[in-house]
Amino acid sequence: MMVHTRITENSPALETWQEVRAPYGVGYKIKLLSQLLARKFTERLEPLGLTPFHWVVLCCLWEEDGLPTSSIGEKLQQVGGTLTGVLDRMEERCLIRRERDTRDRRIWRIWLTDAGKELEVTLPPIALDLREEAMQGISYAEREHFCQILNRAIANMS
């Protein structure tokens, strides 16, 4: 059973409470940054008929083509229904093709088409430009440290 302590003006927990309240809390700030980045990235991908979710799937396949659908879902921490719809749209756009695994017919492998492979030249510069815009005035060392902290926090929550 969870016990909630009422925080009063004289409470020692008040200072800690202030740190977690929106808009001051780190969770809120991470969510806001994520939303802003997603909005800007969506705007830049829209003329190409793509979404940020297409981007992350393409990144997985550029790294290792022919992944099983389940592996893509695990890498992206996505539920099957959401990923299936995205893969459907990517297949309709001829960016990927699905093939049954030759050893296990229950498994669908996802392969890039030539059009999907060609986007590896077009899309990374868009993502790099957005990253540079977001990280303007932040040193390379600070960026690395920020990523390390985020990775630890993600691992803690996984």
C-alpha atoms as a PDB file:
ATOM      1  CA  MET A   1       0.000   0.000   0.000  1.00  0.00           C
ATOM      2  CA  MET A   2       1.394   3.381  -1.014  1.00  0.00           C
ATOM      3  CA  VAL A   3       1.351   6.093   1.668  1.00  0.00           C
ATOM      4  CA  HIS A   4       1.157   9.704   0.522  1.00  0.00           C
ATOM      5  CA  THR A   5       2.647  12.328   2.782  1.00  0.00           C
ATOM      6  CA  ARG A   6       1.131  15.766   2.619  1.00  0.00           C
ATOM      7  CA  ILE A   7       3.794  18.342   1.885  1.00  0.00           C
ATOM      8  CA  THR A   8       3.371  21.576   3.799  1.00  0.00           C
ATOM      9  CA  GLU A   9       5.174  24.886   3.573  1.00  0.00           C
ATOM     10  CA  ASN A  10       7.542  23.891   6.399  1.00  0.00           C
ATOM     11  CA  SER A  11       8.084  20.337   5.153  1.00  0.00           C
ATOM     12  CA  PRO A  12      11.680  19.261   4.383  1.00  0.00           C
ATOM     13  CA  ALA A  13      10.302  17.469   1.315  1.00  0.00           C
ATOM     14  CA  LEU A  14       9.032  20.762  -0.162  1.00  0.00           C
ATOM     15  CA  GLU A  15      12.322  21.531  -1.914  1.00  0.00           C
ATOM     16  CA  THR A  16      12.406  18.045  -3.461  1.00  0.00           C
ATOM     17  CA  TRP A  17       8.750  18.370  -4.455  1.00  0.00           C
ATOM     18  CA  GLN A  18       9.506  21.629  -6.291  1.00  0.00           C
ATOM     19  CA  GLU A  19      12.142  19.798  -8.345  1.00  0.00           C
ATOM     20  CA  VAL A  20       9.678  17.224  -9.714  1.00  0.00           C
ATOM     21  CA  ARG A  21       6.744  19.517 -10.421  1.00  0.00           C
ATOM     22  CA  ALA A  22       6.023  20.395 -14.020  1.00  0.00           C
ATOM     23  CA  PRO A  23       7.488  22.421 -15.639  1.00  0.00           C
ATOM     24  CA  TYR A  24      10.600  22.116 -13.443  1.00  0.00           C
ATOM     25  CA  GLY A  25      10.997  18.333 -13.327  1.00  0.00           C
ATOM     26  CA  VAL A  26      13.496  16.502 -15.498  1.00  0.00           C
ATOM     27  CA  GLY A  27      10.785  14.142 -16.785  1.00  0.00           C
ATOM     28  CA  TYR A  28       8.701  17.054 -17.995  1.00  0.00           C
ATOM     29  CA  LYS A  29      11.721  18.669 -19.639  1.00  0.00           C
ATOM     30  CA  ILE A  30      12.673  15.427 -21.412  1.00  0.00           C
ATOM     31  CA  LYS A  31       9.089  15.046 -22.630  1.00  0.00           C
ATOM     32  CA  LEU A  32       9.035  18.649 -23.859  1.00  0.00           C
ATOM     33  CA  LEU A  33      12.351  18.230 -25.677  1.00  0.00           C
ATOM     34  CA  SER A  34      11.093  14.998 -27.233  1.00  0.00           C
ATOM     35  CA  GLN A  35       7.902  16.687 -28.426  1.00  0.00           C
ATOM     36  CA  LEU A  36       9.775  19.664 -29.868  1.00  0.00           C
ATOM     37  CA  LEU A  37      12.275  17.429 -31.670  1.00  0.00           C
ATOM     38  CA  ALA A  38       9.487  15.200 -32.989  1.00  0.00           C
ATOM     39  CA  ARG A  39       7.525  18.200 -34.258  1.00  0.00           C
ATOM     40  CA  LYS A  40      10.541  19.685 -36.045  1.00  0.00           C
ATOM     41  CA  PHE A  41      11.595  16.308 -37.462  1.00  0.00           C
ATOM     42  CA  THR A  42       8.039  15.631 -38.649  1.00  0.00           C
ATOM     43  CA  GLU A  43       8.018  18.990 -40.448  1.00  0.00           C
ATOM     44  CA  ARG A  44      11.269  18.118 -42.218  1.00  0.00           C
ATOM     45  CA  LEU A  45      10.193  14.595 -43.172  1.00  0.00           C
ATOM     46  CA  GLU A  46       6.677  15.530 -44.293  1.00  0.00           C
ATOM     47  CA  PRO A  47       7.709  16.737 -47.783  1.00  0.00           C
ATOM     48  CA  LEU A  48       9.201  13.258 -48.301  1.00  0.00           C
ATOM     49  CA  GLY A  49       6.013  11.544 -47.117  1.00  0.00           C
ATOM     50  CA  LEU A  50       7.802  10.076 -44.101  1.00  0.00           C
ATOM     51  CA  THR A  51       7.393  10.175 -40.329  1.00  0.00           C
ATOM     52  CA  PRO A  52       9.869   9.917 -37.438  1.00  0.00           C
ATOM     53  CA  PHE A  53       8.669   6.325 -36.937  1.00  0.00           C
ATOM     54  CA  HIS A  54       9.634   5.512 -40.542  1.00  0.00           C
ATOM     55  CA  TRP A  55      13.048   6.999 -39.741  1.00  0.00           C
ATOM     56  CA  VAL A  56      13.678   4.738 -36.746  1.00  0.00           C
ATOM     57  CA  VAL A  57      12.593   1.619 -38.647  1.00  0.00           C
ATOM     58  CA  LEU A  58      14.835   2.583 -41.561  1.00  0.00           C
ATOM     59  CA  CYS A  59      17.741   3.157 -39.152  1.00  0.00           C
ATOM     60  CA  CYS A  60      17.315  -0.377 -37.761  1.00  0.00           C
ATOM     61  CA  LEU A  61      17.317  -1.839 -41.273  1.00  0.00           C
ATOM     62  CA  TRP A  62      20.259   0.265 -42.476  1.00  0.00           C
ATOM     63  CA  GLU A  63      22.171  -1.183 -39.539  1.00  0.00           C
ATOM     64  CA  GLU A  64      21.026  -4.756 -40.213  1.00  0.00           C
ATOM     65  CA  ASP A  65      18.795  -5.545 -43.164  1.00  0.00           C
ATOM     66  CA  GLY A  66      16.468  -8.540 -43.022  1.00  0.00           C
ATOM     67  CA  LEU A  67      15.581  -8.278 -39.347  1.00  0.00           C
ATOM     68  CA  PRO A  68      12.586 -10.189 -38.035  1.00  0.00           C
ATOM     69  CA  THR A  69       9.637  -7.951 -37.196  1.00  0.00           C
ATOM     70  CA  SER A  70       9.966  -8.935 -33.533  1.00  0.00           C
ATOM     71  CA  SER A  71      13.609  -7.766 -33.429  1.00  0.00           C
ATOM     72  CA  ILE A  72      12.659  -4.355 -34.826  1.00  0.00           C
ATOM     73  CA  GLY A  73       9.928  -4.088 -32.187  1.00  0.00           C
ATOM     74  CA  GLU A  74      12.370  -5.041 -29.428  1.00  0.00           C
ATOM     75  CA  LYS A  75      14.995  -2.547 -30.593  1.00  0.00           C
ATOM     76  CA  LEU A  76      12.412   0.235 -30.744  1.00  0.00           C
ATOM     77  CA  GLN A  77      10.477  -0.949 -27.672  1.00  0.00           C
ATOM     78  CA  GLN A  78       7.253  -0.866 -29.676  1.00  0.00           C
ATOM     79  CA  VAL A  79       4.136  -2.955 -29.421  1.00  0.00           C
ATOM     80  CA  GLY A  80       3.316  -5.165 -32.400  1.00  0.00           C
ATOM     81  CA  GLY A  81       0.137  -3.424 -33.580  1.00  0.00           C
ATOM     82  CA  THR A  82       1.795  -0.041 -33.885  1.00  0.00           C
ATOM     83  CA  LEU A  83       4.812  -1.438 -35.717  1.00  0.00           C
ATOM     84  CA  THR A  84       2.662  -3.560 -38.040  1.00  0.00           C
ATOM     85  CA  GLY A  85       0.752  -0.495 -39.251  1.00  0.00           C
ATOM     86  CA  VAL A  86       3.967   1.411 -39.889  1.00  0.00           C
ATOM     87  CA  LEU A  87       5.447  -1.537 -41.773  1.00  0.00           C
ATOM     88  CA  ASP A  88       2.232  -1.799 -43.823  1.00  0.00           C
ATOM     89  CA  ARG A  89       2.571   1.832 -44.906  1.00  0.00           C
ATOM     90  CA  MET A  90       6.282   1.446 -45.615  1.00  0.00           C
ATOM     91  CA  GLU A  91       5.552  -1.599 -47.767  1.00  0.00           C
ATOM     92  CA  GLU A  92       2.825   0.312 -49.644  1.00  0.00           C
ATOM     93  CA  ARG A  93       5.421   3.031 -50.354  1.00  0.00           C
ATOM     94  CA  CYS A  94       7.855   0.357 -51.613  1.00  0.00           C
ATOM     95  CA  LEU A  95      10.447   1.171 -48.927  1.00  0.00           C
ATOM     96  CA  ILE A  96      10.502  -2.372 -47.521  1.00  0.00           C
ATOM     97  CA  ARG A  97       9.425  -5.873 -48.428  1.00  0.00           C
ATOM     98  CA  ARG A  98       8.401  -8.710 -46.114  1.00  0.00           C
ATOM     99  CA  GLU A  99       9.475 -12.297 -46.575  1.00  0.00           C
ATOM    100  CA  ARG A 100       8.845 -15.386 -44.505  1.00  0.00           C
ATOM    101  CA  ASP A 101      11.927 -16.771 -42.808  1.00  0.00           C
ATOM    102  CA  THR A 102      13.170 -19.818 -44.727  1.00  0.00           C
ATOM    103  CA  ARG A 103      13.750 -21.806 -41.505  1.00  0.00           C
ATOM    104  CA  ASP A 104      10.715 -20.688 -39.493  1.00  0.00           C
ATOM    105  CA  ARG A 105       7.572 -19.785 -41.445  1.00  0.00           C
ATOM    106  CA  ARG A 106       6.104 -17.982 -38.401  1.00  0.00           C
ATOM    107  CA  ILE A 107       8.772 -15.282 -38.660  1.00  0.00           C
ATOM    108  CA  TRP A 108       8.529 -12.374 -41.100  1.00  0.00           C
ATOM    109  CA  ARG A 109      11.791 -10.731 -42.086  1.00  0.00           C
ATOM    110  CA  ILE A 110      11.861  -7.104 -43.206  1.00  0.00           C
ATOM    111  CA  TRP A 111      14.129  -6.142 -46.084  1.00  0.00           C
ATOM    112  CA  LEU A 112      14.892  -2.734 -47.542  1.00  0.00           C
ATOM    113  CA  THR A 113      14.004  -2.119 -51.167  1.00  0.00           C
ATOM    114  CA  ASP A 114      16.256   0.010 -53.356  1.00  0.00           C
ATOM    115  CA  ALA A 115      14.065   3.022 -52.483  1.00  0.00           C
ATOM    116  CA  GLY A 116      14.549   2.316 -48.762  1.00  0.00           C
ATOM    117  CA  LYS A 117      18.296   1.956 -49.226  1.00  0.00           C
ATOM    118  CA  GLU A 118      18.504   5.229 -51.173  1.00  0.00           C
ATOM    119  CA  LEU A 119      16.999   7.130 -48.234  1.00  0.00           C
ATOM    120  CA  GLU A 120      20.184   6.396 -46.270  1.00  0.00           C
ATOM    121  CA  VAL A 121      21.779   9.167 -48.323  1.00  0.00           C
ATOM    122  CA  THR A 122      18.889  11.639 -47.954  1.00  0.00           C
ATOM    123  CA  LEU A 123      17.674  11.302 -44.364  1.00  0.00           C
ATOM    124  CA  PRO A 124      20.769  11.349 -42.096  1.00  0.00           C
ATOM    125  CA  PRO A 125      21.709  14.926 -43.107  1.00  0.00           C
ATOM    126  CA  ILE A 126      18.191  16.034 -42.123  1.00  0.00           C
ATOM    127  CA  ALA A 127      18.583  14.374 -38.714  1.00  0.00           C
ATOM    128  CA  LEU A 128      22.089  15.810 -38.280  1.00  0.00           C
ATOM    129  CA  ASP A 129      20.882  19.342 -39.058  1.00  0.00           C
ATOM    130  CA  LEU A 130      18.120  18.994 -36.482  1.00  0.00           C
ATOM    131  CA  ARG A 131      20.547  17.645 -33.891  1.00  0.00           C
ATOM    132  CA  GLU A 132      22.890  20.573 -34.499  1.00  0.00           C
ATOM    133  CA  GLU A 133      20.003  23.006 -34.124  1.00  0.00           C
ATOM    134  CA  ALA A 134      18.999  21.421 -30.810  1.00  0.00           C
ATOM    135  CA  MET A 135      22.571  21.165 -29.501  1.00  0.00           C
ATOM    136  CA  GLN A 136      23.713  24.639 -30.558  1.00  0.00           C
ATOM    137  CA  GLY A 137      26.060  26.073 -27.946  1.00  0.00           C
ATOM    138  CA  ILE A 138      26.556  22.678 -26.263  1.00  0.00           C
ATOM    139  CA  SER A 139      30.079  21.250 -26.472  1.00  0.00           C
ATOM    140  CA  TYR A 140      30.809  17.787 -27.821  1.00  0.00           C
ATOM    141  CA  ALA A 141      31.870  16.657 -24.319  1.00  0.00           C
ATOM    142  CA  GLU A 142      28.602  17.942 -22.831  1.00  0.00           C
ATOM    143  CA  ARG A 143      26.627  16.155 -25.551  1.00  0.00           C
ATOM    144  CA  GLU A 144      28.421  12.880 -24.810  1.00  0.00           C
ATOM    145  CA  HIS A 145      27.806  13.268 -21.091  1.00  0.00           C
ATOM    146  CA  PHE A 146      24.133  14.092 -21.693  1.00  0.00           C
ATOM    147  CA  CYS A 147      23.748  10.927 -23.814  1.00  0.00           C
ATOM    148  CA  GLN A 148      25.439   8.817 -21.142  1.00  0.00           C
ATOM    149  CA  ILE A 149      23.082  10.168 -18.486  1.00  0.00           C
ATOM    150  CA  LEU A 150      20.039   9.556 -20.689  1.00  0.00           C
ATOM    151  CA  ASN A 151      21.211   6.004 -21.436  1.00  0.00           C
ATOM    152  CA  ARG A 152      21.573   5.278 -17.714  1.00  0.00           C
ATOM    153  CA  ALA A 153      18.146   6.730 -16.946  1.00  0.00           C
ATOM    154  CA  ILE A 154      16.591   4.657 -19.761  1.00  0.00           C
ATOM    155  CA  ALA A 155      18.326   1.530 -18.452  1.00  0.00           C
ATOM    156  CA  ASN A 156      17.069   2.302 -14.950  1.00  0.00           C
ATOM    157  CA  MET A 157      13.492   2.512 -16.227  1.00  0.00           C
ATOM    158  CA  SER A 158      13.665  -0.528 -18.522  1.00  0.00           C
END
